[in-house]
PDB file of N, CA and C in Angstrom:
ATOM      1  N   VAL A   1     210.304 129.635  94.078  1.00  0.00           N
ATOM      2  CA  VAL A   1     209.871 130.379  95.248  1.00  0.00           C
ATOM      3  C   VAL A   1     211.088 130.882  96.007  1.00  0.00           C
ATOM      4  N   GLN A   2     211.092 132.166  96.298  1.00  0.00           N
ATOM      5  CA  GLN A   2     212.145 132.733  97.141  1.00  0.00           C
ATOM      6  C   GLN A   2     211.493 133.253  98.422  1.00  0.00           C
ATOM      7  N   LEU A   3     212.082 132.878  99.535  1.00  0.00           N
ATOM      8  CA  LEU A   3     211.593 133.311 100.835  1.00  0.00           C
ATOM      9  C   LEU A   3     212.699 134.103 101.518  1.00  0.00           C
ATOM     10  N   VAL A   4     212.366 135.297 101.976  1.00  0.00           N
ATOM     11  CA  VAL A   4     213.364 136.153 102.606  1.00  0.00           C
ATOM     12  C   VAL A   4     212.865 136.565 103.978  1.00  0.00           C
ATOM     13  N   GLU A   5     213.625 136.193 104.994  1.00  0.00           N
ATOM     14  CA  GLU A   5     213.276 136.564 106.359  1.00  0.00           C
ATOM     15  C   GLU A   5     213.917 137.902 106.729  1.00  0.00           C
ATOM     16  N   SER A   6     213.273 138.617 107.603  1.00  0.00           N
ATOM     17  CA  SER A   6     213.831 139.854 108.141  1.00  0.00           C
ATOM     18  C   SER A   6     213.230 140.098 109.511  1.00  0.00           C
ATOM     19  N   GLY A   7     213.830 141.046 110.229  1.00  0.00           N
ATOM     20  CA  GLY A   7     213.291 141.425 111.529  1.00  0.00           C
ATOM     21  C   GLY A   7     214.041 140.880 112.724  1.00  0.00           C
ATOM     22  N   GLY A   8     215.033 140.042 112.480  1.00  0.00           N
ATOM     23  CA  GLY A   8     215.798 139.521 113.603  1.00  0.00           C
ATOM     24  C   GLY A   8     216.664 140.598 114.223  1.00  0.00           C
ATOM     25  N   GLY A   9     217.247 140.274 115.367  1.00  0.00           N
ATOM     26  CA  GLY A   9     218.100 141.231 116.039  1.00  0.00           C
ATOM     27  C   GLY A   9     218.376 140.827 117.468  1.00  0.00           C
ATOM     28  N   LEU A  10     218.887 141.774 118.222  1.00  0.00           N
ATOM     29  CA  LEU A  10     219.221 141.566 119.629  1.00  0.00           C
ATOM     30  C   LEU A  10     218.176 142.264 120.487  1.00  0.00           C
ATOM     31  N   VAL A  11     217.635 141.536 121.452  1.00  0.00           N
ATOM     32  CA  VAL A  11     216.613 142.087 122.328  1.00  0.00           C
ATOM     33  C   VAL A  11     216.826 141.534 123.734  1.00  0.00           C
ATOM     34  N   GLU A  12     216.434 142.280 124.731  1.00  0.00           N
ATOM     35  CA  GLU A  12     216.540 141.815 126.113  1.00  0.00           C
ATOM     36  C   GLU A  12     215.400 140.849 126.438  1.00  0.00           C
ATOM     37  N   ALA A  13     215.639 140.009 127.386  1.00  0.00           N
ATOM     38  CA  ALA A  13     214.606 139.082 127.845  1.00  0.00           C
ATOM     39  C   ALA A  13     213.365 139.861 128.274  1.00  0.00           C
ATOM     40  N   GLY A  14     212.219 139.338 127.884  1.00  0.00           N
ATOM     41  CA  GLY A  14     210.957 140.020 128.153  1.00  0.00           C
ATOM     42  C   GLY A  14     210.517 140.921 127.029  1.00  0.00           C
ATOM     43  N   GLY A  15     211.399 141.181 126.091  1.00  0.00           N
ATOM     44  CA  GLY A  15     211.096 142.051 124.975  1.00  0.00           C
ATOM     45  C   GLY A  15     210.375 141.333 123.853  1.00  0.00           C
ATOM     46  N   TYR A  16     210.288 142.012 122.709  1.00  0.00           N
ATOM     47  CA  TYR A  16     209.552 141.438 121.581  1.00  0.00           C
ATOM     48  C   TYR A  16     210.251 141.783 120.272  1.00  0.00           C
ATOM     49  N   LEU A  17     209.950 140.971 119.290  1.00  0.00           N
ATOM     50  CA  LEU A  17     210.393 141.180 117.912  1.00  0.00           C
ATOM     51  C   LEU A  17     209.299 140.678 116.984  1.00  0.00           C
ATOM     52  N   ARG A  18     209.285 141.222 115.781  1.00  0.00           N
ATOM     53  CA  ARG A  18     208.398 140.695 114.759  1.00  0.00           C
ATOM     54  C   ARG A  18     209.223 140.320 113.541  1.00  0.00           C
ATOM     55  N   LEU A  19     209.177 139.053 113.205  1.00  0.00           N
ATOM     56  CA  LEU A  19     209.869 138.559 112.022  1.00  0.00           C
ATOM     57  C   LEU A  19     208.921 138.598 110.828  1.00  0.00           C
ATOM     58  N   SER A  20     209.492 138.826 109.665  1.00  0.00           N
ATOM     59  CA  SER A  20     208.726 138.812 108.427  1.00  0.00           C
ATOM     60  C   SER A  20     209.316 137.780 107.481  1.00  0.00           C
ATOM     61  N   CYS A  21     208.447 137.173 106.695  1.00  0.00           N
ATOM     62  CA  CYS A  21     208.868 136.231 105.665  1.00  0.00           C
ATOM     63  C   CYS A  21     208.156 136.641 104.380  1.00  0.00           C
ATOM     64  N   ALA A  22     208.914 137.229 103.479  1.00  0.00           N
ATOM     65  CA  ALA A  22     208.350 137.697 102.226  1.00  0.00           C
ATOM     66  C   ALA A  22     208.611 136.670 101.135  1.00  0.00           C
ATOM     67  N   ALA A  23     207.560 136.308 100.414  1.00  0.00           N
ATOM     68  CA  ALA A  23     207.671 135.312  99.354  1.00  0.00           C
ATOM     69  C   ALA A  23     207.607 135.974  97.999  1.00  0.00           C
ATOM     70  N   SER A  24     208.419 135.498  97.094  1.00  0.00           N
ATOM     71  CA  SER A  24     208.384 135.961  95.709  1.00  0.00           C
ATOM     72  C   SER A  24     208.507 134.755  94.791  1.00  0.00           C
ATOM     73  N   GLY A  25     208.298 134.976  93.523  1.00  0.00           N
ATOM     74  CA  GLY A  25     208.273 133.856  92.604  1.00  0.00           C
ATOM     75  C   GLY A  25     206.905 133.207  92.677  1.00  0.00           C
ATOM     76  N   ARG A  26     206.843 131.911  92.693  1.00  0.00           N
ATOM     77  CA  ARG A  26     205.569 131.238  92.846  1.00  0.00           C
ATOM     78  C   ARG A  26     204.993 131.555  94.212  1.00  0.00           C
ATOM     79  N   THR A  27     203.724 131.762  94.256  1.00  0.00           N
ATOM     80  CA  THR A  27     203.084 132.165  95.492  1.00  0.00           C
ATOM     81  C   THR A  27     203.072 131.039  96.524  1.00  0.00           C
ATOM     82  N   VAL A  28     202.953 131.414  97.772  1.00  0.00           N
ATOM     83  CA  VAL A  28     202.819 130.432  98.830  1.00  0.00           C
ATOM     84  C   VAL A  28     201.357 130.183  99.181  1.00  0.00           C
ATOM     85  N   SER A  29     200.463 131.028  98.638  1.00  0.00           N
ATOM     86  CA  SER A  29     199.048 130.818  98.931  1.00  0.00           C
ATOM     87  C   SER A  29     198.616 129.481  98.350  1.00  0.00           C
ATOM     88  N   GLY A  30     197.715 128.794  99.061  1.00  0.00           N
ATOM     89  CA  GLY A  30     197.354 127.455  98.649  1.00  0.00           C
ATOM     90  C   GLY A  30     198.256 126.431  99.315  1.00  0.00           C
ATOM     91  N   TYR A  31     199.317 126.888  99.909  1.00  0.00           N
ATOM     92  CA  TYR A  31     200.193 125.997 100.664  1.00  0.00           C
ATOM     93  C   TYR A  31     200.125 126.437 102.120  1.00  0.00           C
ATOM     94  N   GLY A  32     201.153 126.965 102.596  1.00  0.00           N
ATOM     95  CA  GLY A  32     201.236 127.469 103.955  1.00  0.00           C
ATOM     96  C   GLY A  32     202.632 127.982 104.168  1.00  0.00           C
ATOM     97  N   THR A  33     202.849 128.554 105.304  1.00  0.00           N
ATOM     98  CA  THR A  33     204.175 129.041 105.660  1.00  0.00           C
ATOM     99  C   THR A  33     204.446 128.695 107.114  1.00  0.00           C
ATOM    100  N   GLY A  34     205.626 128.211 107.344  1.00  0.00           N
ATOM    101  CA  GLY A  34     205.991 127.852 108.712  1.00  0.00           C
ATOM    102  C   GLY A  34     207.285 128.498 109.130  1.00  0.00           C
ATOM    103  N   TRP A  35     207.490 128.510 110.429  1.00  0.00           N
ATOM    104  CA  TRP A  35     208.724 129.006 111.027  1.00  0.00           C
ATOM    105  C   TRP A  35     209.381 127.888 111.831  1.00  0.00           C
ATOM    106  N   PHE A  36     210.649 127.766 111.649  1.00  0.00           N
ATOM    107  CA  PHE A  36     211.470 126.855 112.430  1.00  0.00           C
ATOM    108  C   PHE A  36     212.634 127.662 113.005  1.00  0.00           C
ATOM    109  N   ARG A  37     213.298 127.100 113.969  1.00  0.00           N
ATOM    110  CA  ARG A  37     214.482 127.756 114.505  1.00  0.00           C
ATOM    111  C   ARG A  37     215.537 126.704 114.848  1.00  0.00           C
ATOM    112  N   GLN A  38     216.762 127.151 114.834  1.00  0.00           N
ATOM    113  CA  GLN A  38     217.862 126.254 115.169  1.00  0.00           C
ATOM    114  C   GLN A  38     218.898 127.018 115.967  1.00  0.00           C
ATOM    115  N   ALA A  39     219.152 126.538 117.159  1.00  0.00           N
ATOM    116  CA  ALA A  39     220.172 127.115 118.020  1.00  0.00           C
ATOM    117  C   ALA A  39     221.471 126.327 117.835  1.00  0.00           C
ATOM    118  N   PRO A  40     222.606 126.921 118.126  1.00  0.00           N
ATOM    119  CA  PRO A  40     223.885 126.219 117.965  1.00  0.00           C
ATOM    120  C   PRO A  40     223.912 124.908 118.734  1.00  0.00           C
ATOM    121  N   GLY A  41     224.293 123.849 118.050  1.00  0.00           N
ATOM    122  CA  GLY A  41     224.409 122.551 118.689  1.00  0.00           C
ATOM    123  C   GLY A  41     223.103 121.838 118.928  1.00  0.00           C
ATOM    124  N   LYS A  42     221.999 122.424 118.448  1.00  0.00           N
ATOM    125  CA  LYS A  42     220.685 121.803 118.666  1.00  0.00           C
ATOM    126  C   LYS A  42     220.025 121.484 117.339  1.00  0.00           C
ATOM    127  N   GLU A  43     219.041 120.611 117.391  1.00  0.00           N
ATOM    128  CA  GLU A  43     218.298 120.267 116.188  1.00  0.00           C
ATOM    129  C   GLU A  43     217.315 121.388 115.829  1.00  0.00           C
ATOM    130  N   ARG A  44     216.954 121.393 114.559  1.00  0.00           N
ATOM    131  CA  ARG A  44     215.954 122.356 114.113  1.00  0.00           C
ATOM    132  C   ARG A  44     214.639 122.087 114.829  1.00  0.00           C
ATOM    133  N   GLU A  45     214.005 123.151 115.288  1.00  0.00           N
ATOM    134  CA  GLU A  45     212.783 123.035 116.084  1.00  0.00           C
ATOM    135  C   GLU A  45     211.627 123.741 115.410  1.00  0.00           C
ATOM    136  N   PHE A  46     210.488 123.094 115.381  1.00  0.00           N
ATOM    137  CA  PHE A  46     209.276 123.705 114.834  1.00  0.00           C
ATOM    138  C   PHE A  46     208.807 124.815 115.755  1.00  0.00           C
ATOM    139  N   VAL A  47     208.424 125.940 115.151  1.00  0.00           N
ATOM    140  CA  VAL A  47     207.942 127.081 115.931  1.00  0.00           C
ATOM    141  C   VAL A  47     206.460 127.340 115.674  1.00  0.00           C
ATOM    142  N   ALA A  48     206.100 127.544 114.425  1.00  0.00           N
ATOM    143  CA  ALA A  48     204.702 127.862 114.105  1.00  0.00           C
ATOM    144  C   ALA A  48     204.459 127.641 112.626  1.00  0.00           C
ATOM    145  N   SER A  49     203.186 127.450 112.285  1.00  0.00           N
ATOM    146  CA  SER A  49     202.828 127.278 110.881  1.00  0.00           C
ATOM    147  C   SER A  49     201.426 127.792 110.644  1.00  0.00           C
ATOM    148  N   LEU A  50     201.204 128.274 109.435  1.00  0.00           N
ATOM    149  CA  LEU A  50     199.904 128.811 109.061  1.00  0.00           C
ATOM    150  C   LEU A  50     199.505 128.261 107.703  1.00  0.00           C
ATOM    151  N   SER A  51     198.285 127.741 107.633  1.00  0.00           N
ATOM    152  CA  SER A  51     197.748 127.262 106.364  1.00  0.00           C
ATOM    153  C   SER A  51     197.062 128.418 105.655  1.00  0.00           C
ATOM    154  N   TRP A  52     197.502 128.707 104.434  1.00  0.00           N
ATOM    155  CA  TRP A  52     196.911 129.827 103.712  1.00  0.00           C
ATOM    156  C   TRP A  52     195.487 129.505 103.283  1.00  0.00           C
ATOM    157  N   SER A  53     195.166 128.262 103.038  1.00  0.00           N
ATOM    158  CA  SER A  53     193.834 127.923 102.544  1.00  0.00           C
ATOM    159  C   SER A  53     192.801 127.920 103.666  1.00  0.00           C
ATOM    160  N   SER A  54     193.154 127.397 104.829  1.00  0.00           N
ATOM    161  CA  SER A  54     192.180 127.293 105.913  1.00  0.00           C
ATOM    162  C   SER A  54     192.356 128.354 106.990  1.00  0.00           C
ATOM    163  N   GLY A  55     193.546 128.945 107.048  1.00  0.00           N
ATOM    164  CA  GLY A  55     193.838 129.903 108.103  1.00  0.00           C
ATOM    165  C   GLY A  55     194.218 129.261 109.420  1.00  0.00           C
ATOM    166  N   ARG A  56     194.255 127.929 109.445  1.00  0.00           N
ATOM    167  CA  ARG A  56     194.605 127.232 110.684  1.00  0.00           C
ATOM    168  C   ARG A  56     196.061 127.473 111.032  1.00  0.00           C
ATOM    169  N   THR A  57     196.332 127.439 112.323  1.00  0.00           N
ATOM    170  CA  THR A  57     197.686 127.654 112.805  1.00  0.00           C
ATOM    171  C   THR A  57     198.125 126.518 113.721  1.00  0.00           C
ATOM    172  N   LEU A  58     199.409 126.309 113.759  1.00  0.00           N
ATOM    173  CA  LEU A  58     200.031 125.339 114.658  1.00  0.00           C
ATOM    174  C   LEU A  58     201.160 126.054 115.387  1.00  0.00           C
ATOM    175  N   TYR A  59     201.386 125.659 116.625  1.00  0.00           N
ATOM    176  CA  TYR A  59     202.475 126.234 117.401  1.00  0.00           C
ATOM    177  C   TYR A  59     203.245 125.154 118.136  1.00  0.00           C
ATOM    178  N   GLY A  60     204.543 125.376 118.255  1.00  0.00           N
ATOM    179  CA  GLY A  60     205.344 124.508 119.083  1.00  0.00           C
ATOM    180  C   GLY A  60     205.029 124.768 120.552  1.00  0.00           C
ATOM    181  N   ASP A  61     205.177 123.751 121.372  1.00  0.00           N
ATOM    182  CA  ASP A  61     204.820 123.875 122.785  1.00  0.00           C
ATOM    183  C   ASP A  61     205.606 124.985 123.490  1.00  0.00           C
ATOM    184  N   SER A  62     206.850 125.169 123.094  1.00  0.00           N
ATOM    185  CA  SER A  62     207.695 126.130 123.795  1.00  0.00           C
ATOM    186  C   SER A  62     207.342 127.586 123.497  1.00  0.00           C
ATOM    187  N   VAL A  63     206.508 127.828 122.486  1.00  0.00           N
ATOM    188  CA  VAL A  63     206.183 129.210 122.115  1.00  0.00           C
ATOM    189  C   VAL A  63     204.702 129.519 122.244  1.00  0.00           C
ATOM    190  N   LYS A  64     203.892 128.531 122.553  1.00  0.00           N
ATOM    191  CA  LYS A  64     202.448 128.756 122.674  1.00  0.00           C
ATOM    192  C   LYS A  64     202.154 129.835 123.702  1.00  0.00           C
ATOM    193  N   GLY A  65     201.274 130.743 123.310  1.00  0.00           N
ATOM    194  CA  GLY A  65     200.910 131.838 124.205  1.00  0.00           C
ATOM    195  C   GLY A  65     201.842 133.025 124.144  1.00  0.00           C
ATOM    196  N   ARG A  66     202.981 132.879 123.491  1.00  0.00           N
ATOM    197  CA  ARG A  66     203.935 133.984 123.378  1.00  0.00           C
ATOM    198  C   ARG A  66     204.131 134.440 121.935  1.00  0.00           C
ATOM    199  N   PHE A  67     204.074 133.518 121.000  1.00  0.00           N
ATOM    200  CA  PHE A  67     204.297 133.836 119.586  1.00  0.00           C
ATOM    201  C   PHE A  67     202.969 133.747 118.833  1.00  0.00           C
ATOM    202  N   THR A  68     202.852 134.583 117.819  1.00  0.00           N
ATOM    203  CA  THR A  68     201.665 134.573 116.975  1.00  0.00           C
ATOM    204  C   THR A  68     202.087 134.659 115.518  1.00  0.00           C
ATOM    205  N   ILE A  69     201.552 133.760 114.707  1.00  0.00           N
ATOM    206  CA  ILE A  69     201.828 133.778 113.278  1.00  0.00           C
ATOM    207  C   ILE A  69     200.629 134.389 112.563  1.00  0.00           C
ATOM    208  N   SER A  70     200.903 135.230 111.582  1.00  0.00           N
ATOM    209  CA  SER A  70     199.831 135.886 110.839  1.00  0.00           C
ATOM    210  C   SER A  70     200.304 136.137 109.418  1.00  0.00           C
ATOM    211  N   ARG A  71     199.395 136.629 108.573  1.00  0.00           N
ATOM    212  CA  ARG A  71     199.742 136.823 107.176  1.00  0.00           C
ATOM    213  C   ARG A  71     199.149 138.115 106.651  1.00  0.00           C
ATOM    214  N   ASP A  72     199.763 138.595 105.590  1.00  0.00           N
ATOM    215  CA  ASP A  72     199.234 139.713 104.810  1.00  0.00           C
ATOM    216  C   ASP A  72     199.134 139.209 103.380  1.00  0.00           C
ATOM    217  N   ASN A  73     197.917 138.883 102.953  1.00  0.00           N
ATOM    218  CA  ASN A  73     197.734 138.295 101.629  1.00  0.00           C
ATOM    219  C   ASN A  73     198.256 139.209 100.521  1.00  0.00           C
ATOM    220  N   ALA A  74     197.971 140.487 100.655  1.00  0.00           N
ATOM    221  CA  ALA A  74     198.343 141.428  99.593  1.00  0.00           C
ATOM    222  C   ALA A  74     199.856 141.507  99.416  1.00  0.00           C
ATOM    223  N   LYS A  75     200.579 141.342 100.520  1.00  0.00           N
ATOM    224  CA  LYS A  75     202.039 141.443 100.462  1.00  0.00           C
ATOM    225  C   LYS A  75     202.701 140.081 100.327  1.00  0.00           C
ATOM    226  N   ASN A  76     201.907 139.007 100.335  1.00  0.00           N
ATOM    227  CA  ASN A  76     202.458 137.656 100.265  1.00  0.00           C
ATOM    228  C   ASN A  76     203.524 137.468 101.345  1.00  0.00           C
ATOM    229  N   THR A  77     203.191 137.930 102.519  1.00  0.00           N
ATOM    230  CA  THR A  77     204.141 137.952 103.633  1.00  0.00           C
ATOM    231  C   THR A  77     203.508 137.323 104.864  1.00  0.00           C
ATOM    232  N   VAL A  78     204.313 136.569 105.576  1.00  0.00           N
ATOM    233  CA  VAL A  78     203.896 135.975 106.840  1.00  0.00           C
ATOM    234  C   VAL A  78     204.742 136.582 107.948  1.00  0.00           C
ATOM    235  N   TYR A  79     204.111 136.826 109.071  1.00  0.00           N
ATOM    236  CA  TYR A  79     204.792 137.439 110.207  1.00  0.00           C
ATOM    237  C   TYR A  79     204.827 136.479 111.392  1.00  0.00           C
ATOM    238  N   LEU A  80     205.829 136.636 112.209  1.00  0.00           N
ATOM    239  CA  LEU A  80     205.899 135.918 113.479  1.00  0.00           C
ATOM    240  C   LEU A  80     206.126 136.958 114.565  1.00  0.00           C
ATOM    241  N   GLN A  81     205.072 137.245 115.301  1.00  0.00           N
ATOM    242  CA  GLN A  81     205.172 138.167 116.421  1.00  0.00           C
ATOM    243  C   GLN A  81     205.642 137.387 117.630  1.00  0.00           C
ATOM    244  N   MET A  82     206.754 137.799 118.187  1.00  0.00           N
ATOM    245  CA  MET A  82     207.361 137.087 119.304  1.00  0.00           C
ATOM    246  C   MET A  82     207.374 138.005 120.523  1.00  0.00           C
ATOM    247  N   ASN A  83     206.598 137.647 121.514  1.00  0.00           N
ATOM    248  CA  ASN A  83     206.513 138.429 122.750  1.00  0.00           C
ATOM    249  C   ASN A  83     207.109 137.650 123.915  1.00  0.00           C
ATOM    250  N   SER A  84     207.380 138.354 124.987  1.00  0.00           N
ATOM    251  CA  SER A  84     207.924 137.728 126.205  1.00  0.00           C
ATOM    252  C   SER A  84     209.114 136.837 125.886  1.00  0.00           C
ATOM    253  N   LEU A  85     210.026 137.373 125.130  1.00  0.00           N
ATOM    254  CA  LEU A  85     211.164 136.574 124.674  1.00  0.00           C
ATOM    255  C   LEU A  85     212.053 136.143 125.828  1.00  0.00           C
ATOM    256  N   LYS A  86     212.599 134.956 125.659  1.00  0.00           N
ATOM    257  CA  LYS A  86     213.473 134.355 126.672  1.00  0.00           C
ATOM    258  C   LYS A  86     214.835 134.067 126.045  1.00  0.00           C
ATOM    259  N   PRO A  87     215.867 133.976 126.848  1.00  0.00           N
ATOM    260  CA  PRO A  87     217.186 133.658 126.280  1.00  0.00           C
ATOM    261  C   PRO A  87     217.178 132.358 125.483  1.00  0.00           C
ATOM    262  N   GLU A  88     216.349 131.419 125.878  1.00  0.00           N
ATOM    263  CA  GLU A  88     216.287 130.147 125.147  1.00  0.00           C
ATOM    264  C   GLU A  88     215.610 130.268 123.790  1.00  0.00           C
ATOM    265  N   ASP A  89     215.067 131.426 123.479  1.00  0.00           N
ATOM    266  CA  ASP A  89     214.530 131.660 122.139  1.00  0.00           C
ATOM    267  C   ASP A  89     215.632 132.054 121.150  1.00  0.00           C
ATOM    268  N   THR A  90     216.827 132.250 121.646  1.00  0.00           N
ATOM    269  CA  THR A  90     217.945 132.608 120.782  1.00  0.00           C
ATOM    270  C   THR A  90     218.224 131.506 119.774  1.00  0.00           C
ATOM    271  N   ALA A  91     218.208 131.875 118.509  1.00  0.00           N
ATOM    272  CA  ALA A  91     218.390 130.895 117.427  1.00  0.00           C
ATOM    273  C   ALA A  91     218.362 131.625 116.092  1.00  0.00           C
ATOM    274  N   VAL A  92     218.689 130.893 115.050  1.00  0.00           N
ATOM    275  CA  VAL A  92     218.425 131.369 113.692  1.00  0.00           C
ATOM    276  C   VAL A  92     217.021 130.894 113.331  1.00  0.00           C
ATOM    277  N   TYR A  93     216.203 131.826 112.882  1.00  0.00           N
ATOM    278  CA  TYR A  93     214.815 131.522 112.546  1.00  0.00           C
ATOM    279  C   TYR A  93     214.679 131.448 111.027  1.00  0.00           C
ATOM    280  N   TYR A  94     214.046 130.374 110.575  1.00  0.00           N
ATOM    281  CA  TYR A  94     213.851 130.129 109.159  1.00  0.00           C
ATOM    282  C   TYR A  94     212.353 130.070 108.848  1.00  0.00           C
ATOM    283  N   CYS A  95     211.978 130.619 107.720  1.00  0.00           N
ATOM    284  CA  CYS A  95     210.626 130.387 107.238  1.00  0.00           C
ATOM    285  C   CYS A  95     210.692 129.433 106.052  1.00  0.00           C
ATOM    286  N   ALA A  96     209.600 128.748 105.824  1.00  0.00           N
ATOM    287  CA  ALA A  96     209.559 127.740 104.781  1.00  0.00           C
ATOM    288  C   ALA A  96     208.142 127.603 104.253  1.00  0.00           C
ATOM    289  N   ARG A  97     208.013 127.124 103.018  1.00  0.00           N
ATOM    290  CA  ARG A  97     206.697 126.917 102.427  1.00  0.00           C
ATOM    291  C   ARG A  97     206.198 125.526 102.767  1.00  0.00           C
ATOM    292  N   GLY A  98     204.982 125.486 103.303  1.00  0.00           N
ATOM    293  CA  GLY A  98     204.385 124.219 103.668  1.00  0.00           C
ATOM    294  C   GLY A  98     203.533 124.404 104.899  1.00  0.00           C
ATOM    295  N   TYR A  99     202.992 123.297 105.391  1.00  0.00           N
ATOM    296  CA  TYR A  99     202.160 123.350 106.595  1.00  0.00           C
ATOM    297  C   TYR A  99     202.267 122.021 107.313  1.00  0.00           C
ATOM    298  N   GLY A 100     202.590 122.086 108.588  1.00  0.00           N
ATOM    299  CA  GLY A 100     202.700 120.872 109.388  1.00  0.00           C
ATOM    300  C   GLY A 100     203.755 121.031 110.455  1.00  0.00           C
ATOM    301  N   LEU A 101     203.914 119.988 111.251  1.00  0.00           N
ATOM    302  CA  LEU A 101     204.832 120.042 112.385  1.00  0.00           C
ATOM    303  C   LEU A 101     206.264 119.642 112.024  1.00  0.00           C
ATOM    304  N   GLY A 102     206.408 118.824 111.024  1.00  0.00           N
ATOM    305  CA  GLY A 102     207.734 118.329 110.666  1.00  0.00           C
ATOM    306  C   GLY A 102     208.333 119.047 109.476  1.00  0.00           C
ATOM    307  N   SER A 103     209.656 119.120 109.457  1.00  0.00           N
ATOM    308  CA  SER A 103     210.334 119.836 108.380  1.00  0.00           C
ATOM    309  C   SER A 103     210.132 119.178 107.023  1.00  0.00           C
ATOM    310  N   SER A 104     209.793 117.892 107.003  1.00  0.00           N
ATOM    311  CA  SER A 104     209.567 117.215 105.733  1.00  0.00           C
ATOM    312  C   SER A 104     208.330 117.728 105.004  1.00  0.00           C
ATOM    313  N   ALA A 105     207.478 118.467 105.691  1.00  0.00           N
ATOM    314  CA  ALA A 105     206.273 119.024 105.070  1.00  0.00           C
ATOM    315  C   ALA A 105     206.546 120.320 104.321  1.00  0.00           C
ATOM    316  N   TYR A 106     207.801 120.759 104.289  1.00  0.00           N
ATOM    317  CA  TYR A 106     208.174 122.038 103.700  1.00  0.00           C
ATOM    318  C   TYR A 106     209.160 121.817 102.565  1.00  0.00           C
ATOM    319  N   ASP A 107     208.988 122.591 101.490  1.00  0.00           N
ATOM    320  CA  ASP A 107     209.845 122.364 100.329  1.00  0.00           C
ATOM    321  C   ASP A 107     210.788 123.516  99.999  1.00  0.00           C
ATOM    322  N   TYR A 108     210.431 124.730 100.306  1.00  0.00           N
ATOM    323  CA  TYR A 108     211.310 125.869 100.054  1.00  0.00           C
ATOM    324  C   TYR A 108     211.608 126.557 101.370  1.00  0.00           C
ATOM    325  N   TRP A 109     212.865 126.935 101.534  1.00  0.00           N
ATOM    326  CA  TRP A 109     213.320 127.515 102.782  1.00  0.00           C
ATOM    327  C   TRP A 109     214.032 128.841 102.533  1.00  0.00           C
ATOM    328  N   GLY A 110     213.914 129.739 103.503  1.00  0.00           N
ATOM    329  CA  GLY A 110     214.685 130.972 103.459  1.00  0.00           C
ATOM    330  C   GLY A 110     216.071 130.768 104.037  1.00  0.00           C
ATOM    331  N   GLN A 111     216.845 131.853 104.049  1.00  0.00           N
ATOM    332  CA  GLN A 111     218.221 131.789 104.524  1.00  0.00           C
ATOM    333  C   GLN A 111     218.341 131.960 106.026  1.00  0.00           C
ATOM    334  N   GLY A 112     217.315 132.450 106.654  1.00  0.00           N
ATOM    335  CA  GLY A 112     217.320 132.581 108.100  1.00  0.00           C
ATOM    336  C   GLY A 112     217.654 133.982 108.579  1.00  0.00           C
ATOM    337  N   THR A 113     217.184 134.289 109.773  1.00  0.00           N
ATOM    338  CA  THR A 113     217.500 135.550 110.419  1.00  0.00           C
ATOM    339  C   THR A 113     217.815 135.271 111.890  1.00  0.00           C
ATOM    340  N   GLN A 114     218.853 135.915 112.379  1.00  0.00           N
ATOM    341  CA  GLN A 114     219.319 135.637 113.737  1.00  0.00           C
ATOM    342  C   GLN A 114     218.502 136.412 114.754  1.00  0.00           C
ATOM    343  N   VAL A 115     218.081 135.700 115.780  1.00  0.00           N
ATOM    344  CA  VAL A 115     217.420 136.316 116.932  1.00  0.00           C
ATOM    345  C   VAL A 115     218.256 136.003 118.167  1.00  0.00           C
ATOM    346  N   THR A 116     218.647 137.035 118.879  1.00  0.00           N
ATOM    347  CA  THR A 116     219.439 136.858 120.086  1.00  0.00           C
ATOM    348  C   THR A 116     218.729 137.554 121.238  1.00  0.00           C
ATOM    349  N   VAL A 117     218.470 136.796 122.294  1.00  0.00           N
ATOM    350  CA  VAL A 117     217.788 137.335 123.460  1.00  0.00           C
ATOM    351  C   VAL A 117     218.771 137.315 124.631  1.00  0.00           C
ATOM    352  N   SER A 118     219.067 138.480 125.142  1.00  0.00           N
ATOM    353  CA  SER A 118     220.024 138.586 126.251  1.00  0.00           C
ATOM    354  C   SER A 118     219.297 138.507 127.588  1.00  0.00           C
ATOM    355  N   SER A 119     219.996 137.938 128.555  1.00  0.00           N
ATOM    356  CA  SER A 119     219.378 137.773 129.882  1.00  0.00           C
ATOM    357  C   SER A 119     219.649 138.971 130.776  1.00  0.00           C
TER     358      SER A 119
END
């Protein structure tokens, strides 16, 4: 499984970005896809996850109400719509195959995409 993130960049506080996670190789359907982020000097933080089989979603407390995870089955792609961005959202965002709150529930990871939110 190869996971490739895209869509990161520099945005002002209050703005929005949409990240994409495209999967190739073995499909992620039947599993799930999650997003994590890691800021410099901080631990990796759970952001959101989507179960491909049930459609259920999970969100980290810090992003609830601002971020939305969704999927395009035909493209084998998961999106993370990020609205009302804050400087504290600045981090490298990773997508991974799996479903759950902890990183141990995920087995394949992408290389990450940088998101920088200026104040």
